N, C-alpha and C. Protein backbone atom coordinates (compact mmCIF):
# COMPACT_ATOMS: atom_id res chain seq x y z
N MET A 1 -7.03 -12.87 36.83
CA MET A 1 -7.32 -11.92 36.07
C MET A 1 -6.18 -11.70 34.57
N GLN A 2 -4.99 -11.63 35.24
CA GLN A 2 -3.85 -12.01 34.25
C GLN A 2 -4.06 -13.28 33.06
N ALA A 3 -4.12 -13.85 33.61
CA ALA A 3 -4.56 -15.20 32.51
C ALA A 3 -5.05 -14.76 31.19
N GLN A 4 -4.11 -15.14 30.09
CA GLN A 4 -4.87 -14.93 28.90
C GLN A 4 -5.49 -16.44 28.33
N HIS A 5 -5.17 -17.69 28.83
CA HIS A 5 -5.63 -18.57 28.17
C HIS A 5 -6.13 -19.52 29.94
N PRO A 6 -7.07 -19.37 30.22
CA PRO A 6 -7.50 -20.59 31.40
C PRO A 6 -8.15 -21.18 31.36
N VAL A 7 -7.30 -22.66 31.59
CA VAL A 7 -8.47 -24.17 30.94
C VAL A 7 -8.71 -24.51 32.21
N PHE A 8 -10.01 -25.06 32.54
CA PHE A 8 -10.47 -25.71 33.57
C PHE A 8 -10.50 -27.12 33.51
N PHE A 9 -10.23 -28.28 34.27
CA PHE A 9 -10.60 -29.68 33.91
C PHE A 9 -11.25 -29.96 35.40
N THR A 10 -12.32 -30.84 35.15
CA THR A 10 -13.27 -31.13 35.88
C THR A 10 -13.15 -32.83 36.41
N GLY A 11 -13.78 -33.39 37.49
CA GLY A 11 -13.65 -34.16 37.91
C GLY A 11 -15.47 -35.06 38.58
N ALA A 12 -15.31 -35.44 39.11
CA ALA A 12 -16.80 -36.36 39.36
C ALA A 12 -16.79 -35.48 40.70
N GLY A 13 -15.56 -35.12 40.94
CA GLY A 13 -16.35 -34.43 42.64
C GLY A 13 -16.61 -32.90 42.66
N ILE A 14 -16.88 -32.44 41.44
CA ILE A 14 -17.85 -31.16 40.93
C ILE A 14 -19.14 -31.15 41.01
N SER A 15 -19.29 -32.93 40.72
CA SER A 15 -20.72 -33.38 40.29
C SER A 15 -21.34 -33.63 41.94
N THR A 16 -20.77 -33.76 42.93
CA THR A 16 -21.37 -34.66 44.16
C THR A 16 -22.51 -33.79 44.37
N GLU A 17 -22.42 -32.41 44.84
CA GLU A 17 -23.44 -31.12 45.44
C GLU A 17 -24.82 -31.48 44.45
N SER A 18 -24.49 -32.20 43.00
CA SER A 18 -25.80 -32.35 42.35
C SER A 18 -26.49 -33.70 42.68
N GLY A 19 -26.01 -34.48 43.59
CA GLY A 19 -26.32 -35.99 44.24
C GLY A 19 -25.90 -37.09 43.24
N LEU A 20 -24.84 -36.78 42.82
CA LEU A 20 -23.96 -37.62 42.03
C LEU A 20 -22.71 -38.20 42.97
N PRO A 21 -22.55 -39.13 42.98
CA PRO A 21 -20.98 -39.95 43.69
C PRO A 21 -20.32 -39.76 42.98
N ASP A 22 -18.90 -39.42 43.38
CA ASP A 22 -17.63 -39.05 43.16
C ASP A 22 -17.08 -40.39 43.14
N PHE A 23 -15.58 -40.43 43.04
CA PHE A 23 -15.07 -41.90 42.70
C PHE A 23 -14.49 -42.37 44.45
N ARG A 24 -13.30 -41.35 44.62
CA ARG A 24 -12.73 -41.42 45.59
C ARG A 24 -12.42 -40.90 46.66
N GLY A 25 -13.67 -39.91 47.00
CA GLY A 25 -14.24 -39.29 47.69
C GLY A 25 -14.57 -39.49 49.31
N PRO A 26 -14.97 -39.14 49.96
CA PRO A 26 -15.41 -39.85 51.52
C PRO A 26 -16.78 -40.93 51.39
N ASP A 27 -17.34 -40.58 50.34
CA ASP A 27 -18.24 -41.41 50.38
C ASP A 27 -18.54 -41.84 48.71
N GLY A 28 -17.42 -41.76 48.15
CA GLY A 28 -17.37 -42.40 46.88
C GLY A 28 -17.60 -43.75 46.62
N VAL A 29 -17.52 -44.14 44.97
CA VAL A 29 -17.88 -45.63 45.05
C VAL A 29 -16.52 -46.13 45.22
N TRP A 30 -15.53 -45.99 44.84
CA TRP A 30 -14.53 -47.01 45.18
C TRP A 30 -14.03 -46.94 46.63
N THR A 31 -14.42 -45.88 47.42
CA THR A 31 -14.19 -45.93 49.18
C THR A 31 -15.35 -46.82 49.64
N ARG A 32 -16.36 -46.60 49.03
CA ARG A 32 -17.58 -47.53 49.69
C ARG A 32 -17.14 -48.86 49.32
N ARG A 33 -16.60 -48.94 48.04
CA ARG A 33 -16.65 -50.51 47.83
C ARG A 33 -15.37 -51.31 48.43
N GLU A 34 -14.31 -50.49 49.01
CA GLU A 34 -13.56 -50.53 49.60
C GLU A 34 -13.60 -51.19 51.24
N LYS A 35 -14.79 -50.36 51.52
CA LYS A 35 -15.29 -50.48 53.12
C LYS A 35 -16.39 -51.35 53.09
N GLY A 36 -16.85 -52.18 51.96
CA GLY A 36 -17.65 -53.44 51.71
C GLY A 36 -18.85 -53.09 51.97
N GLU A 37 -19.60 -51.47 51.40
CA GLU A 37 -20.32 -50.75 51.50
C GLU A 37 -20.89 -50.94 50.10
N GLY A 38 -22.04 -50.99 50.25
CA GLY A 38 -22.98 -51.14 48.72
C GLY A 38 -22.85 -49.46 47.96
N PRO A 39 -23.00 -49.22 46.48
CA PRO A 39 -22.93 -48.04 45.71
C PRO A 39 -23.96 -47.23 46.09
N VAL A 40 -23.87 -46.28 46.18
CA VAL A 40 -24.75 -45.05 46.22
C VAL A 40 -26.28 -44.71 44.96
N LYS A 41 -27.02 -45.04 45.41
CA LYS A 41 -28.31 -44.93 44.44
C LYS A 41 -28.23 -43.26 44.07
N PHE A 42 -28.35 -43.32 42.82
CA PHE A 42 -28.68 -42.15 42.52
C PHE A 42 -29.17 -42.26 40.80
N ASP A 43 -29.90 -41.39 40.32
CA ASP A 43 -30.63 -41.34 38.71
C ASP A 43 -30.22 -40.16 38.16
N TRP A 44 -29.49 -40.55 37.06
CA TRP A 44 -28.85 -39.27 36.35
C TRP A 44 -29.81 -38.40 35.61
N ASN A 45 -31.24 -38.51 35.67
CA ASN A 45 -31.82 -37.38 35.18
C ASN A 45 -32.52 -36.72 36.07
N ASP A 46 -31.94 -37.17 37.70
CA ASP A 46 -32.33 -36.26 38.86
C ASP A 46 -31.99 -35.19 38.76
N ALA A 47 -30.14 -35.36 38.35
CA ALA A 47 -28.95 -34.45 38.43
C ALA A 47 -29.22 -32.90 37.79
N ARG A 48 -29.15 -31.76 38.35
CA ARG A 48 -28.75 -30.53 37.98
C ARG A 48 -27.83 -29.72 38.13
N PRO A 49 -27.26 -29.16 37.23
CA PRO A 49 -25.96 -27.92 37.78
C PRO A 49 -26.22 -27.75 39.05
N ASN A 50 -25.11 -27.34 39.38
CA ASN A 50 -25.13 -26.82 40.87
C ASN A 50 -23.83 -25.75 40.99
N PRO A 51 -23.62 -24.79 42.14
CA PRO A 51 -23.30 -23.68 42.03
C PRO A 51 -22.07 -23.78 41.42
N SER A 52 -21.31 -24.55 41.33
CA SER A 52 -19.97 -25.22 40.77
C SER A 52 -20.18 -25.19 39.21
N HIS A 53 -20.62 -25.70 38.94
CA HIS A 53 -21.03 -25.92 37.28
C HIS A 53 -21.25 -24.55 36.86
N MET A 54 -22.60 -23.85 37.89
CA MET A 54 -23.04 -22.36 37.11
C MET A 54 -21.64 -21.32 37.55
N ALA A 55 -20.91 -21.32 38.19
CA ALA A 55 -19.51 -20.83 38.19
C ALA A 55 -19.00 -21.02 37.13
N LEU A 56 -18.89 -21.73 36.70
CA LEU A 56 -18.34 -21.82 35.38
C LEU A 56 -18.87 -21.25 34.44
N PHE A 57 -20.17 -21.12 34.23
CA PHE A 57 -20.94 -20.75 33.42
C PHE A 57 -20.35 -19.18 33.48
N GLU A 58 -20.61 -18.61 34.46
CA GLU A 58 -20.02 -17.23 34.49
C GLU A 58 -18.86 -16.97 34.02
N LEU A 59 -17.70 -17.87 34.58
CA LEU A 59 -16.61 -17.47 33.79
C LEU A 59 -16.62 -17.47 32.50
N GLN A 60 -17.32 -18.36 31.78
CA GLN A 60 -17.68 -18.06 30.17
C GLN A 60 -17.96 -16.55 29.95
N LYS A 61 -19.47 -16.23 30.69
CA LYS A 61 -19.76 -15.14 30.15
C LYS A 61 -19.01 -14.13 30.33
N MET A 62 -18.10 -14.36 31.29
CA MET A 62 -17.12 -12.98 31.12
C MET A 62 -15.93 -12.98 30.42
N GLY A 63 -15.67 -14.17 30.10
CA GLY A 63 -14.82 -14.35 29.12
C GLY A 63 -13.58 -14.75 29.53
N LYS A 64 -13.92 -15.68 30.49
CA LYS A 64 -12.42 -15.79 31.35
C LYS A 64 -12.31 -17.45 31.86
N LEU A 65 -12.92 -18.02 30.78
CA LEU A 65 -13.31 -19.64 30.12
C LEU A 65 -12.68 -19.79 28.87
N ALA A 66 -11.48 -20.25 28.54
CA ALA A 66 -10.76 -20.46 27.23
C ALA A 66 -11.46 -21.82 26.70
N PHE A 67 -11.62 -22.84 27.78
CA PHE A 67 -11.92 -24.05 27.52
C PHE A 67 -11.67 -25.27 28.61
N LEU A 68 -12.95 -25.59 29.05
CA LEU A 68 -13.42 -26.62 29.66
C LEU A 68 -12.65 -28.45 29.59
N ILE A 69 -12.44 -28.79 29.67
CA ILE A 69 -12.21 -30.29 29.97
C ILE A 69 -12.46 -30.95 30.84
N SER A 70 -13.57 -32.17 30.83
CA SER A 70 -14.30 -32.76 31.95
C SER A 70 -14.36 -34.30 31.61
N GLN A 71 -13.79 -35.07 32.69
CA GLN A 71 -14.26 -36.43 32.85
C GLN A 71 -15.21 -37.04 33.26
N ASN A 72 -16.41 -36.14 33.12
CA ASN A 72 -17.97 -36.68 33.62
C ASN A 72 -18.73 -36.62 32.17
N VAL A 73 -19.90 -37.60 32.80
CA VAL A 73 -20.56 -38.17 31.54
C VAL A 73 -21.77 -37.45 31.88
N ASP A 74 -22.29 -36.88 32.55
CA ASP A 74 -23.40 -36.62 33.26
C ASP A 74 -24.28 -35.12 32.80
N ASN A 75 -23.50 -35.10 31.79
CA ASN A 75 -24.26 -33.25 31.09
C ASN A 75 -24.68 -32.10 31.68
N LEU A 76 -23.89 -31.91 32.85
CA LEU A 76 -24.41 -30.86 33.81
C LEU A 76 -23.54 -29.41 33.19
N HIS A 77 -22.41 -29.78 32.38
CA HIS A 77 -21.66 -28.47 32.09
C HIS A 77 -22.56 -27.59 30.87
N LEU A 78 -22.98 -28.81 29.83
CA LEU A 78 -23.99 -28.62 28.56
C LEU A 78 -25.26 -27.57 29.28
N ALA A 79 -25.77 -28.58 30.48
CA ALA A 79 -26.90 -27.89 31.02
C ALA A 79 -27.08 -26.79 31.92
N SER A 80 -25.92 -26.52 32.48
CA SER A 80 -25.45 -24.99 33.05
C SER A 80 -25.15 -24.23 32.18
N GLY A 81 -25.15 -24.40 30.32
CA GLY A 81 -25.01 -23.37 29.68
C GLY A 81 -23.54 -23.47 28.97
N ILE A 82 -22.82 -23.75 29.24
CA ILE A 82 -21.32 -23.97 28.41
C ILE A 82 -21.52 -24.10 27.31
N ALA A 83 -21.12 -23.43 26.32
CA ALA A 83 -20.84 -23.58 24.81
C ALA A 83 -19.97 -24.88 24.39
N MET A 84 -21.04 -26.03 23.57
CA MET A 84 -20.46 -27.17 22.94
C MET A 84 -18.84 -26.97 22.21
N GLU A 85 -18.92 -25.85 21.94
CA GLU A 85 -17.50 -26.00 21.29
C GLU A 85 -16.29 -25.50 22.05
N LEU A 86 -16.64 -24.89 23.48
CA LEU A 86 -15.82 -24.73 24.54
C LEU A 86 -15.83 -26.02 25.60
N LEU A 87 -16.11 -27.14 24.69
CA LEU A 87 -16.04 -28.48 26.02
C LEU A 87 -15.55 -29.45 24.91
N ALA A 88 -14.45 -30.48 26.24
CA ALA A 88 -14.35 -31.62 25.64
C ALA A 88 -14.85 -32.37 26.46
N GLU A 89 -15.35 -33.06 26.53
CA GLU A 89 -16.52 -34.45 27.14
C GLU A 89 -15.01 -35.69 27.25
N LEU A 90 -14.05 -36.20 28.02
CA LEU A 90 -13.37 -37.08 27.11
C LEU A 90 -13.70 -38.30 27.34
N HIS A 91 -15.08 -38.52 28.22
CA HIS A 91 -15.43 -39.88 28.85
C HIS A 91 -16.84 -40.25 28.13
N GLY A 92 -16.91 -38.97 27.22
CA GLY A 92 -18.74 -39.10 27.02
C GLY A 92 -20.05 -38.50 27.62
N ASN A 93 -20.83 -38.89 27.60
CA ASN A 93 -22.16 -38.15 27.98
C ASN A 93 -23.66 -39.27 27.48
N VAL A 94 -24.06 -39.06 28.79
CA VAL A 94 -24.92 -40.19 28.78
C VAL A 94 -26.01 -39.69 28.30
N THR A 95 -26.24 -38.56 27.48
CA THR A 95 -27.38 -38.03 27.30
C THR A 95 -27.23 -37.93 25.41
N ARG A 96 -25.90 -38.50 25.29
CA ARG A 96 -25.77 -38.39 23.59
C ARG A 96 -25.14 -39.57 23.00
N LEU A 97 -25.56 -39.58 21.75
CA LEU A 97 -25.17 -40.79 21.24
C LEU A 97 -23.80 -39.98 19.92
N GLN A 98 -22.86 -41.40 19.60
CA GLN A 98 -22.15 -41.05 18.49
C GLN A 98 -22.48 -42.23 17.80
N CYS A 99 -21.65 -41.50 16.48
CA CYS A 99 -21.30 -42.38 15.72
C CYS A 99 -20.10 -42.99 15.77
N GLY A 100 -19.91 -44.67 15.52
CA GLY A 100 -18.41 -45.39 15.31
C GLY A 100 -17.60 -45.22 14.17
N ASN A 101 -18.64 -44.49 13.19
CA ASN A 101 -17.12 -44.53 12.02
C ASN A 101 -16.97 -43.08 11.80
N CYS A 102 -18.23 -42.16 11.84
CA CYS A 102 -17.09 -40.47 11.49
C CYS A 102 -17.45 -39.88 12.89
N GLY A 103 -17.49 -40.54 14.05
CA GLY A 103 -17.93 -39.42 15.46
C GLY A 103 -18.65 -38.65 15.25
N PHE A 104 -19.69 -38.60 14.54
CA PHE A 104 -20.84 -37.33 14.55
C PHE A 104 -21.35 -37.85 15.90
N LYS A 105 -22.00 -36.76 16.78
CA LYS A 105 -22.64 -36.94 17.60
C LYS A 105 -24.06 -35.99 17.71
N CYS A 106 -24.82 -36.47 18.50
CA CYS A 106 -26.06 -36.25 18.73
C CYS A 106 -27.13 -36.64 19.87
N ASP A 107 -27.93 -35.85 20.45
CA ASP A 107 -28.71 -36.02 21.23
C ASP A 107 -29.05 -37.34 21.47
N ASN A 108 -29.51 -38.29 22.18
CA ASN A 108 -30.07 -39.45 22.43
C ASN A 108 -31.59 -39.52 22.24
N PHE A 109 -32.29 -40.29 20.97
CA PHE A 109 -33.62 -40.30 20.87
C PHE A 109 -33.38 -41.92 20.59
N PRO A 110 -34.73 -42.07 21.50
CA PRO A 110 -34.56 -43.80 21.41
C PRO A 110 -34.67 -44.52 19.64
N ASP A 111 -35.02 -43.72 19.04
CA ASP A 111 -35.47 -44.49 17.72
C ASP A 111 -34.54 -43.87 16.73
N LEU A 112 -33.29 -43.60 16.69
CA LEU A 112 -32.21 -42.75 16.40
C LEU A 112 -31.18 -44.04 16.79
N THR A 113 -30.93 -44.96 15.28
CA THR A 113 -29.62 -45.71 15.62
C THR A 113 -28.74 -45.41 14.38
N VAL A 114 -29.19 -44.54 13.15
CA VAL A 114 -27.85 -44.70 12.28
C VAL A 114 -27.65 -43.20 12.03
N CYS A 115 -26.88 -43.00 11.50
CA CYS A 115 -26.14 -41.78 11.61
C CYS A 115 -26.65 -40.88 10.23
N PRO A 116 -26.67 -39.94 10.41
CA PRO A 116 -27.43 -39.16 9.27
C PRO A 116 -26.16 -38.74 8.32
N ILE A 117 -24.95 -38.50 8.91
CA ILE A 117 -23.98 -38.73 8.11
C ILE A 117 -23.39 -39.40 7.15
N CYS A 118 -23.12 -40.51 7.51
CA CYS A 118 -22.42 -41.65 6.91
C CYS A 118 -23.64 -43.38 6.98
N ALA A 119 -24.73 -42.63 7.27
CA ALA A 119 -25.26 -44.15 7.88
C ALA A 119 -24.28 -45.20 8.66
N GLY A 120 -23.41 -44.84 9.55
CA GLY A 120 -22.86 -45.72 10.63
C GLY A 120 -23.79 -46.20 11.66
N LYS A 121 -23.65 -46.83 12.59
CA LYS A 121 -24.13 -47.05 13.77
C LYS A 121 -23.88 -45.83 14.92
N LEU A 122 -24.85 -45.53 15.53
CA LEU A 122 -25.43 -44.53 16.64
C LEU A 122 -25.10 -45.33 17.72
N THR A 123 -24.44 -45.26 18.76
CA THR A 123 -24.61 -46.03 20.02
C THR A 123 -23.85 -44.87 20.93
N SER A 124 -24.06 -45.33 22.41
CA SER A 124 -23.98 -44.59 23.51
C SER A 124 -22.51 -43.87 23.18
N SER A 125 -22.53 -42.10 23.68
CA SER A 125 -20.93 -41.82 23.83
C SER A 125 -20.29 -42.28 24.98
N VAL A 126 -20.97 -42.36 25.78
CA VAL A 126 -20.01 -42.69 27.12
C VAL A 126 -18.91 -43.88 26.93
N VAL A 127 -17.67 -43.44 26.93
CA VAL A 127 -16.29 -44.60 27.17
C VAL A 127 -16.29 -45.24 28.51
N ASP A 128 -16.39 -46.79 27.93
CA ASP A 128 -16.45 -47.90 28.79
C ASP A 128 -14.56 -47.85 29.12
N PHE A 129 -14.43 -48.56 30.29
CA PHE A 129 -13.01 -48.68 30.32
C PHE A 129 -12.36 -49.95 29.31
N GLY A 130 -10.76 -49.34 28.63
CA GLY A 130 -10.74 -50.00 27.79
C GLY A 130 -10.57 -49.67 26.41
N GLN A 131 -11.68 -48.32 26.01
CA GLN A 131 -11.82 -48.18 24.85
C GLN A 131 -11.16 -46.44 24.83
N PRO A 132 -11.05 -46.30 23.62
CA PRO A 132 -10.27 -45.08 23.30
C PRO A 132 -10.92 -43.96 23.34
N LEU A 133 -10.56 -42.97 23.76
CA LEU A 133 -11.40 -41.60 24.10
C LEU A 133 -11.59 -40.89 22.50
N PRO A 134 -12.86 -40.18 22.44
CA PRO A 134 -13.41 -39.67 21.15
C PRO A 134 -12.18 -38.68 20.95
N GLU A 135 -11.77 -38.97 19.43
CA GLU A 135 -10.48 -38.42 18.97
C GLU A 135 -10.70 -36.83 19.47
N LYS A 136 -11.62 -36.33 18.41
CA LYS A 136 -11.61 -34.09 18.70
C LYS A 136 -11.49 -33.90 19.45
N ASP A 137 -12.26 -34.58 20.52
CA ASP A 137 -12.00 -33.99 22.23
C ASP A 137 -10.85 -34.22 22.72
N PHE A 138 -10.15 -35.66 22.76
CA PHE A 138 -9.05 -35.28 22.87
C PHE A 138 -7.75 -34.83 22.87
N LEU A 139 -7.94 -34.40 21.09
CA LEU A 139 -6.74 -33.66 20.29
C LEU A 139 -7.41 -32.36 20.92
N ASP A 140 -8.48 -31.55 20.88
CA ASP A 140 -8.97 -30.34 21.57
C ASP A 140 -7.99 -29.54 22.88
N ALA A 141 -8.67 -31.12 23.79
CA ALA A 141 -7.99 -31.31 25.00
C ALA A 141 -6.37 -31.12 25.10
N GLU A 142 -5.86 -32.02 24.40
CA GLU A 142 -4.49 -31.41 24.38
C GLU A 142 -3.83 -30.28 23.86
N GLN A 143 -4.83 -29.80 22.97
CA GLN A 143 -4.01 -28.33 22.31
C GLN A 143 -4.34 -27.17 23.16
N HIS A 144 -5.75 -27.21 24.02
CA HIS A 144 -5.70 -26.04 24.63
C HIS A 144 -5.18 -26.39 26.11
N SER A 145 -4.84 -27.50 26.67
CA SER A 145 -3.56 -27.87 28.20
C SER A 145 -2.43 -26.98 27.28
N ARG A 146 -1.93 -27.20 26.26
CA ARG A 146 -0.36 -26.79 25.87
C ARG A 146 -0.49 -25.02 25.66
N GLN A 147 -1.89 -24.81 25.38
CA GLN A 147 -1.76 -23.36 25.31
C GLN A 147 -2.16 -22.61 26.33
N SER A 148 -2.69 -23.27 27.76
CA SER A 148 -2.75 -22.86 28.64
C SER A 148 -1.94 -21.96 29.69
N ASP A 149 -2.00 -20.89 30.50
CA ASP A 149 -1.03 -20.32 31.03
C ASP A 149 -1.84 -20.30 32.91
N LEU A 150 -3.01 -20.83 32.71
CA LEU A 150 -3.35 -21.09 33.99
C LEU A 150 -4.49 -22.54 33.89
N PHE A 151 -4.03 -23.42 34.48
CA PHE A 151 -4.59 -24.86 34.21
C PHE A 151 -5.29 -24.87 35.81
N VAL A 152 -6.55 -25.40 35.84
CA VAL A 152 -7.46 -25.06 37.16
C VAL A 152 -8.24 -26.15 37.12
N VAL A 153 -7.58 -27.36 38.14
CA VAL A 153 -8.04 -28.98 38.20
C VAL A 153 -9.21 -28.55 39.44
N ALA A 154 -10.69 -29.09 38.73
CA ALA A 154 -11.52 -29.18 40.27
C ALA A 154 -12.55 -30.59 40.35
N GLY A 155 -12.14 -30.84 40.83
CA GLY A 155 -12.95 -32.27 41.76
C GLY A 155 -12.27 -33.58 40.95
N SER A 156 -11.09 -33.59 40.81
CA SER A 156 -10.29 -34.94 39.88
C SER A 156 -9.17 -35.00 41.15
N SER A 157 -9.40 -36.58 41.30
CA SER A 157 -8.19 -37.20 41.96
C SER A 157 -6.81 -37.42 40.95
N LEU A 158 -7.43 -37.29 39.81
CA LEU A 158 -5.95 -37.31 38.45
C LEU A 158 -5.37 -38.39 38.42
N VAL A 159 -6.05 -39.61 38.11
CA VAL A 159 -5.39 -40.58 38.34
C VAL A 159 -6.09 -41.79 37.06
N VAL A 160 -7.09 -41.48 36.38
CA VAL A 160 -7.94 -42.05 35.66
C VAL A 160 -6.92 -41.36 34.21
N PHE A 161 -5.94 -42.03 33.27
CA PHE A 161 -5.26 -41.48 32.46
C PHE A 161 -5.96 -42.34 31.18
N PRO A 162 -5.95 -41.42 29.85
CA PRO A 162 -4.89 -40.67 29.69
C PRO A 162 -5.29 -39.18 30.22
N ALA A 163 -6.56 -39.27 30.39
CA ALA A 163 -7.17 -37.66 30.92
C ALA A 163 -6.41 -36.76 32.04
N ALA A 164 -6.13 -37.87 32.96
CA ALA A 164 -5.13 -37.09 33.71
C ALA A 164 -3.79 -36.71 33.23
N ASP A 165 -3.41 -36.84 32.29
CA ASP A 165 -2.28 -36.49 31.66
C ASP A 165 -2.88 -35.04 31.26
N MET A 166 -3.72 -34.24 31.19
CA MET A 166 -3.68 -32.89 30.69
C MET A 166 -3.16 -31.72 31.43
N PRO A 167 -3.29 -31.68 32.51
CA PRO A 167 -2.65 -31.10 33.68
C PRO A 167 -1.03 -31.03 33.70
N ARG A 168 -0.47 -32.32 33.26
CA ARG A 168 0.75 -32.36 33.06
C ARG A 168 1.09 -31.89 31.90
N ILE A 169 0.62 -31.97 30.71
CA ILE A 169 1.08 -31.27 29.44
C ILE A 169 0.99 -29.53 29.56
N ALA A 170 0.18 -29.18 30.70
CA ALA A 170 0.04 -28.11 30.57
C ALA A 170 0.91 -27.26 31.49
N LEU A 171 1.29 -27.99 32.77
CA LEU A 171 3.05 -27.94 33.83
C LEU A 171 4.19 -27.91 32.84
N HIS A 172 4.12 -28.83 31.43
CA HIS A 172 5.22 -28.71 31.16
C HIS A 172 5.34 -27.81 29.60
N ALA A 173 4.10 -27.11 29.35
CA ALA A 173 4.65 -25.94 28.65
C ALA A 173 4.02 -24.60 29.58
N GLY A 174 4.12 -24.74 30.86
CA GLY A 174 4.77 -23.23 31.68
C GLY A 174 3.42 -22.74 32.13
N ALA A 175 2.35 -23.66 32.25
CA ALA A 175 1.37 -23.16 32.87
C ALA A 175 1.38 -23.05 34.64
N ARG A 176 0.60 -22.52 35.05
CA ARG A 176 0.50 -22.12 36.87
C ARG A 176 -0.71 -23.02 37.03
N LEU A 177 -1.05 -24.24 37.53
CA LEU A 177 -1.45 -25.29 37.98
C LEU A 177 -2.11 -24.84 39.53
N VAL A 178 -3.61 -24.87 39.26
CA VAL A 178 -4.18 -24.77 40.83
C VAL A 178 -5.23 -26.03 40.83
N ILE A 179 -5.34 -26.80 41.85
CA ILE A 179 -5.96 -27.89 42.35
C ILE A 179 -6.99 -27.63 43.40
N ILE A 180 -8.22 -28.34 42.96
CA ILE A 180 -9.13 -28.08 43.87
C ILE A 180 -9.89 -29.55 44.32
N ASN A 181 -9.87 -29.93 45.48
CA ASN A 181 -9.81 -31.45 45.37
C ASN A 181 -9.78 -32.38 46.51
N GLN A 182 -11.21 -32.71 47.05
CA GLN A 182 -10.93 -33.21 48.47
C GLN A 182 -10.72 -34.70 48.66
N GLY A 183 -8.68 -34.55 48.66
CA GLY A 183 -8.36 -36.18 49.09
C GLY A 183 -6.85 -35.60 48.01
N GLU A 184 -6.13 -36.45 48.38
CA GLU A 184 -4.40 -36.26 47.24
C GLU A 184 -4.42 -36.32 45.80
N THR A 185 -3.98 -35.71 45.43
CA THR A 185 -3.44 -36.18 43.87
C THR A 185 -2.15 -36.37 43.45
N PRO A 186 -1.73 -36.90 42.32
CA PRO A 186 -0.26 -37.18 42.21
C PRO A 186 0.37 -35.85 41.76
N LEU A 187 -0.35 -34.64 41.97
CA LEU A 187 0.27 -33.19 41.34
C LEU A 187 0.23 -32.25 42.25
N ASP A 188 -0.03 -32.91 43.68
CA ASP A 188 0.11 -32.24 44.59
C ASP A 188 1.05 -31.51 44.99
N LYS A 189 2.56 -31.73 44.90
CA LYS A 189 3.76 -31.00 44.52
C LYS A 189 4.32 -30.63 43.81
N ASP A 190 3.24 -30.50 42.58
CA ASP A 190 3.84 -29.82 41.46
C ASP A 190 2.83 -28.47 41.26
N CYS A 191 1.64 -28.40 41.69
CA CYS A 191 0.98 -27.21 42.15
C CYS A 191 1.41 -25.82 42.46
N HIS A 192 0.55 -24.51 42.09
CA HIS A 192 1.15 -23.92 42.46
C HIS A 192 0.02 -23.44 43.54
N LEU A 193 -1.02 -23.78 43.62
CA LEU A 193 -1.74 -23.70 44.47
C LEU A 193 -2.98 -24.85 44.91
N ARG A 194 -3.21 -25.09 46.17
CA ARG A 194 -3.85 -26.31 46.49
C ARG A 194 -5.28 -25.76 47.13
N PHE A 195 -6.05 -26.33 46.97
CA PHE A 195 -7.26 -26.16 47.72
C PHE A 195 -7.78 -27.51 48.28
N GLU A 196 -8.21 -27.66 49.70
CA GLU A 196 -8.48 -28.81 50.04
C GLU A 196 -10.42 -29.17 50.12
N GLU A 197 -10.73 -27.61 50.01
CA GLU A 197 -12.25 -27.83 50.27
C GLU A 197 -12.89 -28.14 48.93
N ALA A 198 -14.34 -28.76 49.06
CA ALA A 198 -15.12 -28.62 48.51
C ALA A 198 -14.93 -27.96 46.78
N THR A 199 -15.55 -28.36 45.87
CA THR A 199 -15.30 -27.65 44.56
C THR A 199 -16.28 -26.02 44.97
N GLY A 200 -17.68 -26.91 45.58
CA GLY A 200 -18.50 -25.90 45.91
C GLY A 200 -18.42 -24.73 46.77
N GLU A 201 -17.46 -24.96 47.69
CA GLU A 201 -16.69 -23.95 48.47
C GLU A 201 -15.74 -22.76 47.95
N VAL A 202 -15.35 -23.58 46.95
CA VAL A 202 -14.01 -22.32 46.17
C VAL A 202 -14.46 -21.85 44.94
N LEU A 203 -15.03 -22.28 43.97
CA LEU A 203 -15.21 -21.69 42.53
C LEU A 203 -16.24 -20.99 43.11
N PRO A 204 -17.45 -20.60 43.23
CA PRO A 204 -18.02 -19.88 43.38
C PRO A 204 -17.39 -18.42 43.88
N ALA A 205 -16.88 -18.83 45.00
CA ALA A 205 -16.48 -17.59 45.72
C ALA A 205 -15.67 -16.79 44.80
N VAL A 206 -14.53 -17.99 44.23
CA VAL A 206 -13.59 -17.05 43.48
C VAL A 206 -14.17 -16.17 42.41
N VAL A 207 -14.94 -16.64 41.57
CA VAL A 207 -15.80 -15.86 40.46
C VAL A 207 -16.44 -15.05 41.43
N ARG A 208 -16.92 -14.89 42.15
CA ARG A 208 -17.64 -13.45 42.92
C ARG A 208 -16.60 -12.29 43.30
N MET A 209 -15.18 -12.95 43.82
CA MET A 209 -14.31 -12.11 43.82
C MET A 209 -13.94 -11.59 42.50
N LEU A 210 -13.67 -12.26 41.37
CA LEU A 210 -13.63 -12.00 40.33
C LEU A 210 -14.01 -10.88 39.51
N ARG A 211 -15.12 -11.51 39.91
CA ARG A 211 -16.49 -10.38 39.26
C ARG A 211 -16.01 -9.04 39.93
N GLU A 212 -16.22 -9.06 41.32
CA GLU A 212 -15.99 -7.58 42.18
C GLU A 212 -14.44 -6.80 41.84
N MET A 213 -13.68 -7.64 41.37
CA MET A 213 -12.55 -6.98 40.75
C MET A 213 -12.83 -6.23 39.16
N ILE A 214 -13.17 -7.10 38.45
CA ILE A 214 -13.29 -6.45 36.95
C ILE A 214 -14.58 -5.18 37.26
N SER A 215 -15.22 -4.92 38.34
CA SER A 215 -16.34 -4.17 38.56
C SER A 215 -15.76 -2.89 39.09
N MET A 216 -14.58 -2.87 39.69
CA MET A 216 -13.92 -1.83 40.25
C MET A 216 -13.36 -0.84 39.24
């Protein structure tokens, strides 16, 4: 309750309850590949926000979400009601297009190929390996990480850079670091509070407790 600028950072682990695979969890994409198993089949269009996404939305409504940084491209944060100005999608969004010239973003319509701002080419906003992160999202994420006094990681193994630099920036700036993740992360020894459970077992319960404390 005392945090003045709480920032949340989400990875693929927050979306597993929505039917989307993570990468390094027990049934993750890379885990299955290392076992010689085929990938989990899924459809982005079938995914819906789960209780963890809705818990973050509740924090926004309560004024307890200063900013949200996500590695996910599944659009579930926006679908849950998170305000666009409070969200940095570092790896893009499967439902949105981006202009390669001016950075303008918009919803993906099949016949929309030219940017209405600068006439540049509109392409998928999803960031492929080796491509730079969207500049505005990255700068916003850095700024809020530095401002954070409480930084909560939910469902990320923190091994994909430069996104994984954000909790390190927050720690260096003096923030308290909380990690919720099934599986080890490089910052486990540096965090102030560690949960091994799934995000769906932690975030909704924490928000309920916070709501009760505020209403007392």
